[in-house]
Amino acid sequence: MSTESTDVKWTPMSSGQQTTAPRCVNCDNQVTRQFARVFGDNRDVVHACPDCATYREMKTSDFIPEERR
């Protein structure tokens, strides 16, 4: 553990700042990284989320256009 003092002060994010959390391509809803791993494509891109599709559609990926699969 370092005892050096740092001048960097931690400040929480304000509501206007963007996070690196994944977003749904269809409706721009923020989703978790785990959701992106499970329901996203091979690059963890989420093409639909529970707000804009059913879980059956997300599981089968029938709603994703052929050129984007």
N, C-alpha and C. Protein backbone atom coordinates (compact mmCIF):
# COMPACT_ATOMS: atom_id res chain seq x y z
N MET A 1 0.84 -1.17 0.00
CA MET A 1 0.00 0.00 0.00
C MET A 1 0.89 1.23 0.00
N SER A 2 0.62 2.15 -0.87
CA SER A 2 1.43 3.34 -1.01
C SER A 2 0.97 4.42 -0.03
N THR A 3 1.92 5.14 0.51
CA THR A 3 1.59 6.24 1.41
C THR A 3 1.75 7.59 0.74
N GLU A 4 1.98 7.57 -0.58
CA GLU A 4 2.12 8.81 -1.32
C GLU A 4 0.78 9.53 -1.40
N SER A 5 0.82 10.83 -1.22
CA SER A 5 -0.42 11.58 -1.38
C SER A 5 -0.62 11.92 -2.85
N THR A 6 -1.83 11.86 -3.28
CA THR A 6 -2.14 12.18 -4.67
C THR A 6 -3.06 13.39 -4.71
N ASP A 7 -2.93 14.17 -5.75
CA ASP A 7 -3.76 15.35 -5.90
C ASP A 7 -5.05 15.05 -6.65
N VAL A 8 -5.23 13.81 -7.05
CA VAL A 8 -6.42 13.43 -7.79
C VAL A 8 -7.57 13.26 -6.81
N LYS A 9 -8.65 13.97 -7.05
CA LYS A 9 -9.82 13.88 -6.19
C LYS A 9 -10.90 13.11 -6.93
N TRP A 10 -11.46 12.13 -6.28
CA TRP A 10 -12.52 11.34 -6.88
C TRP A 10 -13.82 12.11 -6.81
N THR A 11 -14.51 12.18 -7.93
CA THR A 11 -15.82 12.80 -7.96
C THR A 11 -16.77 11.86 -8.68
N PRO A 12 -17.95 11.66 -8.14
CA PRO A 12 -18.91 10.78 -8.82
C PRO A 12 -19.37 11.39 -10.13
N MET A 13 -19.86 10.53 -11.01
CA MET A 13 -20.31 10.99 -12.32
C MET A 13 -21.59 11.80 -12.18
N SER A 14 -21.68 12.83 -12.97
CA SER A 14 -22.95 13.54 -13.04
C SER A 14 -23.84 12.81 -14.02
N SER A 15 -25.11 13.08 -13.99
CA SER A 15 -26.06 12.34 -14.82
C SER A 15 -25.86 12.58 -16.31
N GLY A 16 -25.18 13.64 -16.69
CA GLY A 16 -25.00 13.95 -18.10
C GLY A 16 -23.85 13.22 -18.77
N GLN A 17 -23.00 12.55 -17.99
CA GLN A 17 -21.85 11.88 -18.56
C GLN A 17 -22.22 10.49 -19.06
N GLN A 18 -21.53 10.04 -20.11
CA GLN A 18 -21.78 8.72 -20.69
C GLN A 18 -20.94 7.67 -19.97
N THR A 19 -21.42 6.45 -19.93
CA THR A 19 -20.68 5.33 -19.38
C THR A 19 -20.26 4.41 -20.53
N THR A 20 -19.45 3.43 -20.21
CA THR A 20 -19.03 2.49 -21.23
C THR A 20 -19.92 1.25 -21.26
N ALA A 21 -21.02 1.29 -20.54
CA ALA A 21 -21.93 0.16 -20.54
C ALA A 21 -22.56 0.00 -21.93
N PRO A 22 -22.78 -1.25 -22.33
CA PRO A 22 -23.37 -1.47 -23.66
C PRO A 22 -24.80 -0.94 -23.75
N ARG A 23 -25.22 -0.64 -24.96
CA ARG A 23 -26.56 -0.12 -25.22
C ARG A 23 -27.20 -0.95 -26.33
N CYS A 24 -28.51 -0.98 -26.31
CA CYS A 24 -29.28 -1.66 -27.34
C CYS A 24 -29.19 -0.84 -28.63
N VAL A 25 -28.88 -1.49 -29.72
CA VAL A 25 -28.77 -0.82 -31.01
C VAL A 25 -30.15 -0.34 -31.49
N ASN A 26 -31.18 -1.08 -31.14
CA ASN A 26 -32.52 -0.79 -31.61
C ASN A 26 -33.15 0.41 -30.91
N CYS A 27 -33.08 0.44 -29.56
CA CYS A 27 -33.78 1.50 -28.82
C CYS A 27 -32.87 2.35 -27.95
N ASP A 28 -31.57 2.09 -27.96
CA ASP A 28 -30.56 2.85 -27.21
C ASP A 28 -30.72 2.72 -25.70
N ASN A 29 -31.37 1.68 -25.23
CA ASN A 29 -31.52 1.42 -23.80
C ASN A 29 -30.21 0.83 -23.27
N GLN A 30 -29.78 1.25 -22.10
CA GLN A 30 -28.56 0.73 -21.51
C GLN A 30 -28.82 -0.65 -20.93
N VAL A 31 -27.89 -1.59 -21.20
CA VAL A 31 -27.99 -2.95 -20.69
C VAL A 31 -26.69 -3.30 -19.97
N THR A 32 -26.71 -4.37 -19.20
CA THR A 32 -25.50 -4.78 -18.48
C THR A 32 -24.55 -5.53 -19.41
N ARG A 33 -23.31 -5.63 -19.00
CA ARG A 33 -22.33 -6.37 -19.81
C ARG A 33 -22.68 -7.85 -19.87
N GLN A 34 -23.20 -8.38 -18.77
CA GLN A 34 -23.61 -9.78 -18.77
C GLN A 34 -24.76 -10.01 -19.75
N PHE A 35 -25.72 -9.10 -19.80
CA PHE A 35 -26.81 -9.20 -20.77
C PHE A 35 -26.24 -9.19 -22.19
N ALA A 36 -25.26 -8.33 -22.45
CA ALA A 36 -24.65 -8.26 -23.77
C ALA A 36 -23.93 -9.55 -24.12
N ARG A 37 -23.27 -10.19 -23.15
CA ARG A 37 -22.59 -11.46 -23.41
C ARG A 37 -23.59 -12.56 -23.74
N VAL A 38 -24.73 -12.56 -23.05
CA VAL A 38 -25.71 -13.63 -23.25
C VAL A 38 -26.56 -13.41 -24.48
N PHE A 39 -27.10 -12.21 -24.65
CA PHE A 39 -28.06 -11.94 -25.72
C PHE A 39 -27.47 -11.16 -26.89
N GLY A 40 -26.22 -10.73 -26.78
CA GLY A 40 -25.60 -9.99 -27.87
C GLY A 40 -25.04 -10.91 -28.94
N ASP A 41 -24.50 -10.31 -29.99
CA ASP A 41 -23.89 -11.11 -31.04
C ASP A 41 -22.47 -11.50 -30.63
N ASN A 42 -21.67 -11.98 -31.57
CA ASN A 42 -20.31 -12.44 -31.26
C ASN A 42 -19.40 -11.32 -30.77
N ARG A 43 -19.78 -10.08 -31.01
CA ARG A 43 -19.00 -8.93 -30.54
C ARG A 43 -19.68 -8.24 -29.36
N ASP A 44 -20.63 -8.94 -28.72
CA ASP A 44 -21.39 -8.43 -27.57
C ASP A 44 -22.18 -7.17 -27.90
N VAL A 45 -22.61 -7.05 -29.15
CA VAL A 45 -23.47 -5.94 -29.55
C VAL A 45 -24.91 -6.40 -29.37
N VAL A 46 -25.69 -5.63 -28.62
CA VAL A 46 -27.07 -5.99 -28.33
C VAL A 46 -27.96 -5.35 -29.39
N HIS A 47 -28.66 -6.18 -30.16
CA HIS A 47 -29.53 -5.69 -31.22
C HIS A 47 -30.96 -5.49 -30.76
N ALA A 48 -31.32 -6.05 -29.60
CA ALA A 48 -32.64 -5.86 -29.02
C ALA A 48 -32.56 -6.17 -27.53
N CYS A 49 -33.40 -5.53 -26.75
CA CYS A 49 -33.42 -5.72 -25.31
C CYS A 49 -34.86 -5.99 -24.87
N PRO A 50 -35.11 -6.27 -23.59
CA PRO A 50 -36.48 -6.55 -23.14
C PRO A 50 -37.46 -5.39 -23.38
N ASP A 51 -36.95 -4.19 -23.55
CA ASP A 51 -37.84 -3.06 -23.80
C ASP A 51 -38.36 -3.03 -25.23
N CYS A 52 -37.67 -3.67 -26.16
CA CYS A 52 -38.09 -3.58 -27.56
C CYS A 52 -38.28 -4.94 -28.24
N ALA A 53 -38.09 -6.04 -27.51
CA ALA A 53 -38.28 -7.37 -28.10
C ALA A 53 -38.62 -8.37 -26.99
N THR A 54 -39.14 -9.52 -27.38
CA THR A 54 -39.41 -10.57 -26.41
C THR A 54 -38.16 -11.41 -26.22
N TYR A 55 -38.11 -12.15 -25.12
CA TYR A 55 -36.95 -13.01 -24.87
C TYR A 55 -36.84 -14.10 -25.94
N ARG A 56 -37.95 -14.57 -26.46
CA ARG A 56 -37.90 -15.58 -27.52
C ARG A 56 -37.22 -15.00 -28.76
N GLU A 57 -37.56 -13.76 -29.12
CA GLU A 57 -36.92 -13.13 -30.27
C GLU A 57 -35.43 -12.92 -30.02
N MET A 58 -35.08 -12.51 -28.82
CA MET A 58 -33.67 -12.29 -28.51
C MET A 58 -32.89 -13.59 -28.52
N LYS A 59 -33.48 -14.68 -28.04
CA LYS A 59 -32.80 -15.97 -28.00
C LYS A 59 -32.57 -16.54 -29.38
N THR A 60 -33.53 -16.40 -30.27
CA THR A 60 -33.41 -16.99 -31.60
C THR A 60 -32.74 -16.05 -32.60
N SER A 61 -32.63 -14.79 -32.28
CA SER A 61 -32.03 -13.75 -33.14
C SER A 61 -32.71 -13.63 -34.50
N ASP A 62 -34.00 -13.98 -34.56
CA ASP A 62 -34.74 -13.87 -35.82
C ASP A 62 -34.96 -12.42 -36.25
N PHE A 63 -34.90 -11.50 -35.32
CA PHE A 63 -35.17 -10.11 -35.64
C PHE A 63 -33.95 -9.39 -36.21
N ILE A 64 -32.77 -10.00 -36.13
CA ILE A 64 -31.54 -9.35 -36.63
C ILE A 64 -31.47 -9.55 -38.14
N PRO A 65 -31.25 -8.49 -38.91
CA PRO A 65 -31.12 -8.65 -40.37
C PRO A 65 -29.94 -9.57 -40.72
N GLU A 66 -30.07 -10.31 -41.81
CA GLU A 66 -29.04 -11.28 -42.21
C GLU A 66 -27.65 -10.65 -42.33
N GLU A 67 -27.56 -9.44 -42.87
CA GLU A 67 -26.24 -8.82 -43.08
C GLU A 67 -25.57 -8.40 -41.79
N ARG A 68 -26.32 -8.35 -40.68
CA ARG A 68 -25.76 -7.93 -39.40
C ARG A 68 -25.47 -9.10 -38.47
N ARG A 69 -25.80 -10.34 -38.87
CA ARG A 69 -25.58 -11.51 -38.01
C ARG A 69 -24.14 -11.91 -38.00
